[in-house]
Amino acid sequence: MNFILQPWQLLFVVFCGWVHRRQMEIIEFQAAEIRFLLDKFGSKHILLSGDQRRLLAVQAHAIGRKALLELTIIFKPDTIAFRVCWPTASYTSQFSEG
């Protein structure tokens, strides 16, 4: 059983590798930007409006709570209104008991 890649398959693999590398470069740049801003401005409290919290919660939900904790981020997962996306055990127990 001979497995030979077709030229279009090889081209597709190369393209996917290039896109992945480009995305990782962008992510690393943005992480460096965030670290710079955190160093410059310190831990000043930033107030978010309800719309901003909802937008961040929707985007954070796509990433996942564990991944958010690993990222260099300005807003911690607990800062964003996660009750909409990740109900806590105490929050869900209030509604499941009664």
PDB file of N, CA and C in Angstrom:
ATOM      1  N   MET A   1       0.835  -1.173   0.000  1.00  0.00           N
ATOM      2  CA  MET A   1       0.000   0.000   0.000  1.00  0.00           C
ATOM      3  C   MET A   1       0.883   1.240   0.000  1.00  0.00           C
ATOM      4  N   ASN A   2       0.954   1.876  -1.104  1.00  0.00           N
ATOM      5  CA  ASN A   2       1.782   3.074  -1.248  1.00  0.00           C
ATOM      6  C   ASN A   2       0.946   4.311  -0.930  1.00  0.00           C
ATOM      7  N   PHE A   3       1.497   5.129  -0.047  1.00  0.00           N
ATOM      8  CA  PHE A   3       0.823   6.378   0.305  1.00  0.00           C
ATOM      9  C   PHE A   3       1.671   7.517  -0.216  1.00  0.00           C
ATOM     10  N   ILE A   4       1.213   8.140  -1.257  1.00  0.00           N
ATOM     11  CA  ILE A   4       1.930   9.253  -1.857  1.00  0.00           C
ATOM     12  C   ILE A   4       1.024  10.472  -1.810  1.00  0.00           C
ATOM     13  N   LEU A   5       1.586  11.558  -1.305  1.00  0.00           N
ATOM     14  CA  LEU A   5       0.819  12.800  -1.242  1.00  0.00           C
ATOM     15  C   LEU A   5       0.641  13.383  -2.637  1.00  0.00           C
ATOM     16  N   GLN A   6      -0.522  13.845  -2.881  1.00  0.00           N
ATOM     17  CA  GLN A   6      -0.788  14.562  -4.118  1.00  0.00           C
ATOM     18  C   GLN A   6      -0.218  15.975  -3.975  1.00  0.00           C
ATOM     19  N   PRO A   7       0.117  16.628  -5.060  1.00  0.00           N
ATOM     20  CA  PRO A   7       0.688  17.988  -4.963  1.00  0.00           C
ATOM     21  C   PRO A   7      -0.223  18.971  -4.230  1.00  0.00           C
ATOM     22  N   TRP A   8      -1.515  18.894  -4.423  1.00  0.00           N
ATOM     23  CA  TRP A   8      -2.415  19.819  -3.745  1.00  0.00           C
ATOM     24  C   TRP A   8      -2.457  19.547  -2.247  1.00  0.00           C
ATOM     25  N   GLN A   9      -2.274  18.272  -1.842  1.00  0.00           N
ATOM     26  CA  GLN A   9      -2.249  17.955  -0.417  1.00  0.00           C
ATOM     27  C   GLN A   9      -1.004  18.527   0.244  1.00  0.00           C
ATOM     28  N   LEU A  10       0.120  18.421  -0.437  1.00  0.00           N
ATOM     29  CA  LEU A  10       1.364  18.982   0.080  1.00  0.00           C
ATOM     30  C   LEU A  10       1.271  20.505   0.174  1.00  0.00           C
ATOM     31  N   LEU A  11       0.706  21.127  -0.841  1.00  0.00           N
ATOM     32  CA  LEU A  11       0.508  22.572  -0.824  1.00  0.00           C
ATOM     33  C   LEU A  11      -0.407  22.986   0.324  1.00  0.00           C
ATOM     34  N   PHE A  12      -1.452  22.218   0.571  1.00  0.00           N
ATOM     35  CA  PHE A  12      -2.381  22.511   1.657  1.00  0.00           C
ATOM     36  C   PHE A  12      -1.692  22.413   3.011  1.00  0.00           C
ATOM     37  N   VAL A  13      -0.850  21.400   3.203  1.00  0.00           N
ATOM     38  CA  VAL A  13      -0.125  21.233   4.461  1.00  0.00           C
ATOM     39  C   VAL A  13       0.839  22.394   4.688  1.00  0.00           C
ATOM     40  N   VAL A  14       1.525  22.800   3.641  1.00  0.00           N
ATOM     41  CA  VAL A  14       2.456  23.933   3.750  1.00  0.00           C
ATOM     42  C   VAL A  14       1.691  25.210   4.081  1.00  0.00           C
ATOM     43  N   PHE A  15       0.575  25.427   3.434  1.00  0.00           N
ATOM     44  CA  PHE A  15      -0.238  26.615   3.694  1.00  0.00           C
ATOM     45  C   PHE A  15      -0.741  26.633   5.141  1.00  0.00           C
ATOM     46  N   CYS A  16      -1.228  25.498   5.629  1.00  0.00           N
ATOM     47  CA  CYS A  16      -1.709  25.421   7.022  1.00  0.00           C
ATOM     48  C   CYS A  16      -0.581  25.716   8.007  1.00  0.00           C
ATOM     49  N   GLY A  17       0.610  25.209   7.727  1.00  0.00           N
ATOM     50  CA  GLY A  17       1.762  25.484   8.583  1.00  0.00           C
ATOM     51  C   GLY A  17       2.111  26.958   8.590  1.00  0.00           C
ATOM     52  N   TRP A  18       2.041  27.597   7.437  1.00  0.00           N
ATOM     53  CA  TRP A  18       2.342  29.027   7.350  1.00  0.00           C
ATOM     54  C   TRP A  18       1.312  29.838   8.128  1.00  0.00           C
ATOM     55  N   VAL A  19       0.022  29.502   7.968  1.00  0.00           N
ATOM     56  CA  VAL A  19      -1.047  30.219   8.682  1.00  0.00           C
ATOM     57  C   VAL A  19      -0.878  30.046  10.192  1.00  0.00           C
ATOM     58  N   HIS A  20      -0.569  28.834  10.626  1.00  0.00           N
ATOM     59  CA  HIS A  20      -0.393  28.581  12.058  1.00  0.00           C
ATOM     60  C   HIS A  20       0.776  29.399  12.607  1.00  0.00           C
ATOM     61  N   ARG A  21       1.890  29.415  11.886  1.00  0.00           N
ATOM     62  CA  ARG A  21       3.057  30.172  12.341  1.00  0.00           C
ATOM     63  C   ARG A  21       2.733  31.665  12.417  1.00  0.00           C
ATOM     64  N   ARG A  22       2.003  32.173  11.417  1.00  0.00           N
ATOM     65  CA  ARG A  22       1.621  33.587  11.404  1.00  0.00           C
ATOM     66  C   ARG A  22       0.714  33.922  12.592  1.00  0.00           C
ATOM     67  N   GLN A  23      -0.240  33.050  12.894  1.00  0.00           N
ATOM     68  CA  GLN A  23      -1.123  33.272  14.034  1.00  0.00           C
ATOM     69  C   GLN A  23      -0.342  33.268  15.342  1.00  0.00           C
ATOM     70  N   MET A  24       0.617  32.371  15.467  1.00  0.00           N
ATOM     71  CA  MET A  24       1.422  32.328  16.690  1.00  0.00           C
ATOM     72  C   MET A  24       2.269  33.591  16.838  1.00  0.00           C
ATOM     73  N   GLU A  25       2.788  34.126  15.734  1.00  0.00           N
ATOM     74  CA  GLU A  25       3.542  35.382  15.802  1.00  0.00           C
ATOM     75  C   GLU A  25       2.655  36.524  16.276  1.00  0.00           C
ATOM     76  N   ILE A  26       1.434  36.580  15.783  1.00  0.00           N
ATOM     77  CA  ILE A  26       0.500  37.631  16.188  1.00  0.00           C
ATOM     78  C   ILE A  26       0.156  37.493  17.666  1.00  0.00           C
ATOM     79  N   ILE A  27      -0.096  36.282  18.112  1.00  0.00           N
ATOM     80  CA  ILE A  27      -0.430  36.046  19.522  1.00  0.00           C
ATOM     81  C   ILE A  27       0.737  36.443  20.419  1.00  0.00           C
ATOM     82  N   GLU A  28       1.949  36.078  20.034  1.00  0.00           N
ATOM     83  CA  GLU A  28       3.117  36.441  20.836  1.00  0.00           C
ATOM     84  C   GLU A  28       3.301  37.955  20.890  1.00  0.00           C
ATOM     85  N   PHE A  29       3.063  38.639  19.769  1.00  0.00           N
ATOM     86  CA  PHE A  29       3.166  40.094  19.746  1.00  0.00           C
ATOM     87  C   PHE A  29       2.139  40.731  20.674  1.00  0.00           C
ATOM     88  N   GLN A  30       0.896  40.253  20.616  1.00  0.00           N
ATOM     89  CA  GLN A  30      -0.142  40.821  21.464  1.00  0.00           C
ATOM     90  C   GLN A  30       0.128  40.528  22.940  1.00  0.00           C
ATOM     91  N   ALA A  31       0.653  39.364  23.245  1.00  0.00           N
ATOM     92  CA  ALA A  31       1.014  39.056  24.633  1.00  0.00           C
ATOM     93  C   ALA A  31       2.119  39.992  25.116  1.00  0.00           C
ATOM     94  N   ALA A  32       3.098  40.289  24.258  1.00  0.00           N
ATOM     95  CA  ALA A  32       4.163  41.221  24.633  1.00  0.00           C
ATOM     96  C   ALA A  32       3.600  42.626  24.842  1.00  0.00           C
ATOM     97  N   GLU A  33       2.654  43.032  23.987  1.00  0.00           N
ATOM     98  CA  GLU A  33       2.002  44.324  24.148  1.00  0.00           C
ATOM     99  C   GLU A  33       1.281  44.418  25.493  1.00  0.00           C
ATOM    100  N   ILE A  34       0.556  43.385  25.830  1.00  0.00           N
ATOM    101  CA  ILE A  34      -0.191  43.373  27.086  1.00  0.00           C
ATOM    102  C   ILE A  34       0.762  43.425  28.275  1.00  0.00           C
ATOM    103  N   ARG A  35       1.855  42.656  28.215  1.00  0.00           N
ATOM    104  CA  ARG A  35       2.831  42.695  29.311  1.00  0.00           C
ATOM    105  C   ARG A  35       3.420  44.091  29.455  1.00  0.00           C
ATOM    106  N   PHE A  36       3.713  44.749  28.330  1.00  0.00           N
ATOM    107  CA  PHE A  36       4.246  46.110  28.367  1.00  0.00           C
ATOM    108  C   PHE A  36       3.252  47.065  29.014  1.00  0.00           C
ATOM    109  N   LEU A  37       1.987  46.984  28.611  1.00  0.00           N
ATOM    110  CA  LEU A  37       0.968  47.866  29.180  1.00  0.00           C
ATOM    111  C   LEU A  37       0.769  47.602  30.665  1.00  0.00           C
ATOM    112  N   LEU A  38       0.802  46.334  31.067  1.00  0.00           N
ATOM    113  CA  LEU A  38       0.672  46.020  32.491  1.00  0.00           C
ATOM    114  C   LEU A  38       1.846  46.570  33.284  1.00  0.00           C
ATOM    115  N   ASP A  39       3.056  46.480  32.715  1.00  0.00           N
ATOM    116  CA  ASP A  39       4.226  47.035  33.396  1.00  0.00           C
ATOM    117  C   ASP A  39       4.141  48.558  33.484  1.00  0.00           C
ATOM    118  N   LYS A  40       3.666  49.196  32.421  1.00  0.00           N
ATOM    119  CA  LYS A  40       3.618  50.649  32.384  1.00  0.00           C
ATOM    120  C   LYS A  40       2.540  51.211  33.306  1.00  0.00           C
ATOM    121  N   PHE A  41       1.344  50.623  33.262  1.00  0.00           N
ATOM    122  CA  PHE A  41       0.228  51.177  34.018  1.00  0.00           C
ATOM    123  C   PHE A  41      -0.013  50.478  35.346  1.00  0.00           C
ATOM    124  N   GLY A  42       0.656  49.389  35.592  1.00  0.00           N
ATOM    125  CA  GLY A  42       0.497  48.691  36.860  1.00  0.00           C
ATOM    126  C   GLY A  42      -0.868  48.062  36.990  1.00  0.00           C
ATOM    127  N   SER A  43      -1.317  47.961  38.199  1.00  0.00           N
ATOM    128  CA  SER A  43      -2.589  47.283  38.462  1.00  0.00           C
ATOM    129  C   SER A  43      -3.698  48.290  38.743  1.00  0.00           C
ATOM    130  N   LYS A  44      -3.770  49.328  37.936  1.00  0.00           N
ATOM    131  CA  LYS A  44      -4.854  50.294  38.093  1.00  0.00           C
ATOM    132  C   LYS A  44      -6.172  49.620  37.756  1.00  0.00           C
ATOM    133  N   HIS A  45      -7.188  49.979  38.468  1.00  0.00           N
ATOM    134  CA  HIS A  45      -8.511  49.387  38.282  1.00  0.00           C
ATOM    135  C   HIS A  45      -9.170  49.969  37.042  1.00  0.00           C
ATOM    136  N   ILE A  46      -9.575  49.101  36.133  1.00  0.00           N
ATOM    137  CA  ILE A  46     -10.246  49.539  34.910  1.00  0.00           C
ATOM    138  C   ILE A  46     -11.712  49.140  35.020  1.00  0.00           C
ATOM    139  N   LEU A  47     -12.593  50.124  34.907  1.00  0.00           N
ATOM    140  CA  LEU A  47     -14.021  49.850  34.992  1.00  0.00           C
ATOM    141  C   LEU A  47     -14.562  49.473  33.618  1.00  0.00           C
ATOM    142  N   LEU A  48     -15.358  48.426  33.581  1.00  0.00           N
ATOM    143  CA  LEU A  48     -15.972  47.972  32.335  1.00  0.00           C
ATOM    144  C   LEU A  48     -17.466  48.242  32.382  1.00  0.00           C
ATOM    145  N   SER A  49     -18.017  48.622  31.243  1.00  0.00           N
ATOM    146  CA  SER A  49     -19.462  48.772  31.163  1.00  0.00           C
ATOM    147  C   SER A  49     -20.081  47.383  30.984  1.00  0.00           C
ATOM    148  N   GLY A  50     -21.376  47.298  31.096  1.00  0.00           N
ATOM    149  CA  GLY A  50     -22.063  46.022  30.926  1.00  0.00           C
ATOM    150  C   GLY A  50     -21.864  45.446  29.535  1.00  0.00           C
ATOM    151  N   ASP A  51     -21.908  46.299  28.516  1.00  0.00           N
ATOM    152  CA  ASP A  51     -21.700  45.834  27.148  1.00  0.00           C
ATOM    153  C   ASP A  51     -20.280  45.303  26.944  1.00  0.00           C
ATOM    154  N   GLN A  52     -19.308  45.985  27.535  1.00  0.00           N
ATOM    155  CA  GLN A  52     -17.925  45.530  27.421  1.00  0.00           C
ATOM    156  C   GLN A  52     -17.734  44.180  28.106  1.00  0.00           C
ATOM    157  N   ARG A  53     -18.333  44.009  29.285  1.00  0.00           N
ATOM    158  CA  ARG A  53     -18.240  42.730  29.984  1.00  0.00           C
ATOM    159  C   ARG A  53     -18.879  41.611  29.181  1.00  0.00           C
ATOM    160  N   ARG A  54     -20.055  41.885  28.589  1.00  0.00           N
ATOM    161  CA  ARG A  54     -20.722  40.859  27.785  1.00  0.00           C
ATOM    162  C   ARG A  54     -19.889  40.473  26.580  1.00  0.00           C
ATOM    163  N   LEU A  55     -19.299  41.467  25.911  1.00  0.00           N
ATOM    164  CA  LEU A  55     -18.468  41.189  24.746  1.00  0.00           C
ATOM    165  C   LEU A  55     -17.262  40.337  25.138  1.00  0.00           C
ATOM    166  N   LEU A  56     -16.597  40.723  26.230  1.00  0.00           N
ATOM    167  CA  LEU A  56     -15.457  39.944  26.692  1.00  0.00           C
ATOM    168  C   LEU A  56     -15.877  38.535  27.120  1.00  0.00           C
ATOM    169  N   ALA A  57     -17.037  38.413  27.748  1.00  0.00           N
ATOM    170  CA  ALA A  57     -17.503  37.096  28.185  1.00  0.00           C
ATOM    171  C   ALA A  57     -17.779  36.182  27.002  1.00  0.00           C
ATOM    172  N   VAL A  58     -18.373  36.726  25.947  1.00  0.00           N
ATOM    173  CA  VAL A  58     -18.651  35.910  24.761  1.00  0.00           C
ATOM    174  C   VAL A  58     -17.344  35.463  24.114  1.00  0.00           C
ATOM    175  N   GLN A  59     -16.397  36.372  23.983  1.00  0.00           N
ATOM    176  CA  GLN A  59     -15.116  36.019  23.375  1.00  0.00           C
ATOM    177  C   GLN A  59     -14.327  35.064  24.262  1.00  0.00           C
ATOM    178  N   ALA A  60     -14.407  35.254  25.568  1.00  0.00           N
ATOM    179  CA  ALA A  60     -13.687  34.382  26.490  1.00  0.00           C
ATOM    180  C   ALA A  60     -14.295  32.991  26.523  1.00  0.00           C
ATOM    181  N   HIS A  61     -15.595  32.903  26.335  1.00  0.00           N
ATOM    182  CA  HIS A  61     -16.252  31.606  26.340  1.00  0.00           C
ATOM    183  C   HIS A  61     -15.708  30.725  25.213  1.00  0.00           C
ATOM    184  N   ALA A  62     -15.413  31.330  24.071  1.00  0.00           N
ATOM    185  CA  ALA A  62     -14.869  30.582  22.942  1.00  0.00           C
ATOM    186  C   ALA A  62     -13.477  30.036  23.259  1.00  0.00           C
ATOM    187  N   ILE A  63     -12.732  30.759  24.085  1.00  0.00           N
ATOM    188  CA  ILE A  63     -11.378  30.329  24.444  1.00  0.00           C
ATOM    189  C   ILE A  63     -11.415  29.268  25.533  1.00  0.00           C
ATOM    190  N   GLY A  64     -12.270  29.447  26.515  1.00  0.00           N
ATOM    191  CA  GLY A  64     -12.347  28.514  27.632  1.00  0.00           C
ATOM    192  C   GLY A  64     -11.655  29.071  28.862  1.00  0.00           C
ATOM    193  N   ARG A  65     -12.173  28.710  30.021  1.00  0.00           N
ATOM    194  CA  ARG A  65     -11.675  29.261  31.279  1.00  0.00           C
ATOM    195  C   ARG A  65     -10.236  28.824  31.567  1.00  0.00           C
ATOM    196  N   LYS A  66      -9.914  27.558  31.330  1.00  0.00           N
ATOM    197  CA  LYS A  66      -8.549  27.084  31.601  1.00  0.00           C
ATOM    198  C   LYS A  66      -7.530  27.808  30.737  1.00  0.00           C
ATOM    199  N   ALA A  67      -7.848  27.966  29.465  1.00  0.00           N
ATOM    200  CA  ALA A  67      -6.920  28.653  28.562  1.00  0.00           C
ATOM    201  C   ALA A  67      -6.774  30.120  28.952  1.00  0.00           C
ATOM    202  N   LEU A  68      -7.854  30.736  29.410  1.00  0.00           N
ATOM    203  CA  LEU A  68      -7.773  32.132  29.839  1.00  0.00           C
ATOM    204  C   LEU A  68      -6.822  32.302  31.013  1.00  0.00           C
ATOM    205  N   LEU A  69      -6.832  31.343  31.922  1.00  0.00           N
ATOM    206  CA  LEU A  69      -5.955  31.444  33.078  1.00  0.00           C
ATOM    207  C   LEU A  69      -4.481  31.327  32.682  1.00  0.00           C
ATOM    208  N   GLU A  70      -4.201  30.670  31.549  1.00  0.00           N
ATOM    209  CA  GLU A  70      -2.828  30.516  31.081  1.00  0.00           C
ATOM    210  C   GLU A  70      -2.339  31.725  30.287  1.00  0.00           C
ATOM    211  N   LEU A  71      -3.263  32.518  29.746  1.00  0.00           N
ATOM    212  CA  LEU A  71      -2.891  33.654  28.914  1.00  0.00           C
ATOM    213  C   LEU A  71      -2.453  34.844  29.761  1.00  0.00           C
ATOM    214  N   THR A  72      -1.685  35.716  29.132  1.00  0.00           N
ATOM    215  CA  THR A  72      -1.357  36.996  29.745  1.00  0.00           C
ATOM    216  C   THR A  72      -2.491  37.941  29.387  1.00  0.00           C
ATOM    217  N   ILE A  73      -3.356  38.201  30.359  1.00  0.00           N
ATOM    218  CA  ILE A  73      -4.522  39.020  30.073  1.00  0.00           C
ATOM    219  C   ILE A  73      -4.644  40.133  31.101  1.00  0.00           C
ATOM    220  N   ILE A  74      -5.318  41.180  30.716  1.00  0.00           N
ATOM    221  CA  ILE A  74      -5.534  42.310  31.619  1.00  0.00           C
ATOM    222  C   ILE A  74      -6.670  41.996  32.574  1.00  0.00           C
ATOM    223  N   PHE A  75      -7.744  41.425  32.042  1.00  0.00           N
ATOM    224  CA  PHE A  75      -8.906  41.105  32.863  1.00  0.00           C
ATOM    225  C   PHE A  75      -8.904  39.622  33.199  1.00  0.00           C
ATOM    226  N   LYS A  76      -8.935  39.320  34.459  1.00  0.00           N
ATOM    227  CA  LYS A  76      -8.988  37.923  34.904  1.00  0.00           C
ATOM    228  C   LYS A  76     -10.380  37.374  34.627  1.00  0.00           C
ATOM    229  N   PRO A  77     -10.503  36.049  34.515  1.00  0.00           N
ATOM    230  CA  PRO A  77     -11.824  35.462  34.241  1.00  0.00           C
ATOM    231  C   PRO A  77     -12.886  35.865  35.255  1.00  0.00           C
ATOM    232  N   ASP A  78     -12.494  36.078  36.504  1.00  0.00           N
ATOM    233  CA  ASP A  78     -13.474  36.458  37.524  1.00  0.00           C
ATOM    234  C   ASP A  78     -13.929  37.907  37.365  1.00  0.00           C
ATOM    235  N   THR A  79     -13.155  38.727  36.657  1.00  0.00           N
ATOM    236  CA  THR A  79     -13.530  40.113  36.431  1.00  0.00           C
ATOM    237  C   THR A  79     -14.691  40.215  35.451  1.00  0.00           C
ATOM    238  N   ILE A  80     -14.680  39.332  34.469  1.00  0.00           N
ATOM    239  CA  ILE A  80     -15.716  39.344  33.440  1.00  0.00           C
ATOM    240  C   ILE A  80     -16.942  38.622  33.990  1.00  0.00           C
ATOM    241  N   ALA A  81     -18.093  39.022  33.568  1.00  0.00           N
ATOM    242  CA  ALA A  81     -19.337  38.402  34.052  1.00  0.00           C
ATOM    243  C   ALA A  81     -19.467  36.996  33.497  1.00  0.00           C
ATOM    244  N   PHE A  82     -18.880  36.031  34.184  1.00  0.00           N
ATOM    245  CA  PHE A  82     -18.878  34.661  33.686  1.00  0.00           C
ATOM    246  C   PHE A  82     -20.110  33.881  34.105  1.00  0.00           C
ATOM    247  N   ARG A  83     -20.981  34.486  34.871  1.00  0.00           N
ATOM    248  CA  ARG A  83     -22.192  33.759  35.240  1.00  0.00           C
ATOM    249  C   ARG A  83     -22.977  33.355  34.000  1.00  0.00           C
ATOM    250  N   VAL A  84     -22.862  34.152  32.964  1.00  0.00           N
ATOM    251  CA  VAL A  84     -23.570  33.850  31.725  1.00  0.00           C
ATOM    252  C   VAL A  84     -22.958  32.630  31.056  1.00  0.00           C
ATOM    253  N   CYS A  85     -21.632  32.527  31.078  1.00  0.00           N
ATOM    254  CA  CYS A  85     -20.948  31.461  30.352  1.00  0.00           C
ATOM    255  C   CYS A  85     -20.608  30.258  31.220  1.00  0.00           C
ATOM    256  N   TRP A  86     -20.022  30.497  32.398  1.00  0.00           N
ATOM    257  CA  TRP A  86     -19.595  29.421  33.268  1.00  0.00           C
ATOM    258  C   TRP A  86     -20.237  29.595  34.640  1.00  0.00           C
ATOM    259  N   PRO A  87     -21.420  29.067  34.851  1.00  0.00           N
ATOM    260  CA  PRO A  87     -22.038  29.211  36.161  1.00  0.00           C
ATOM    261  C   PRO A  87     -21.193  28.508  37.231  1.00  0.00           C
ATOM    262  N   THR A  88     -21.021  29.154  38.350  1.00  0.00           N
ATOM    263  CA  THR A  88     -20.275  28.552  39.441  1.00  0.00           C
ATOM    264  C   THR A  88     -21.153  27.538  40.151  1.00  0.00           C
ATOM    265  N   ALA A  89     -20.540  26.705  40.984  1.00  0.00           N
ATOM    266  CA  ALA A  89     -21.282  25.663  41.682  1.00  0.00           C
ATOM    267  C   ALA A  89     -22.319  26.278  42.625  1.00  0.00           C
ATOM    268  N   SER A  90     -21.957  27.352  43.330  1.00  0.00           N
ATOM    269  CA  SER A  90     -22.907  27.967  44.254  1.00  0.00           C
ATOM    270  C   SER A  90     -24.069  28.618  43.493  1.00  0.00           C
ATOM    271  N   TYR A  91     -23.759  29.155  42.332  1.00  0.00           N
ATOM    272  CA  TYR A  91     -24.812  29.803  41.523  1.00  0.00           C
ATOM    273  C   TYR A  91     -25.802  28.772  41.004  1.00  0.00           C
ATOM    274  N   THR A  92     -25.310  27.634  40.526  1.00  0.00           N
ATOM    275  CA  THR A  92     -26.193  26.604  39.981  1.00  0.00           C
ATOM    276  C   THR A  92     -26.953  25.879  41.085  1.00  0.00           C
ATOM    277  N   SER A  93     -26.351  25.756  42.268  1.00  0.00           N
ATOM    278  CA  SER A  93     -27.029  25.063  43.363  1.00  0.00           C
ATOM    279  C   SER A  93     -28.259  25.851  43.847  1.00  0.00           C
ATOM    280  N   GLN A  94     -28.229  27.171  43.677  1.00  0.00           N
ATOM    281  CA  GLN A  94     -29.367  27.977  44.089  1.00  0.00           C
ATOM    282  C   GLN A  94     -30.617  27.608  43.286  1.00  0.00           C
ATOM    283  N   PHE A  95     -30.430  27.276  42.032  1.00  0.00           N
ATOM    284  CA  PHE A  95     -31.557  27.000  41.161  1.00  0.00           C
ATOM    285  C   PHE A  95     -31.886  25.519  41.071  1.00  0.00           C
ATOM    286  N   SER A  96     -30.947  24.644  41.413  1.00  0.00           N
ATOM    287  CA  SER A  96     -31.213  23.212  41.291  1.00  0.00           C
ATOM    288  C   SER A  96     -31.900  22.654  42.541  1.00  0.00           C
ATOM    289  N   GLU A  97     -31.813  23.337  43.678  1.00  0.00           N
ATOM    290  CA  GLU A  97     -32.411  22.835  44.927  1.00  0.00           C
ATOM    291  C   GLU A  97     -33.928  23.038  44.950  1.00  0.00           C
ATOM    292  N   GLY A  98     -34.401  24.105  44.392  1.00  0.00           N
ATOM    293  CA  GLY A  98     -35.769  24.471  44.590  1.00  0.00           C
ATOM    294  C   GLY A  98     -36.671  24.186  43.478  1.00  0.00           C
TER     295      GLY A  98
END
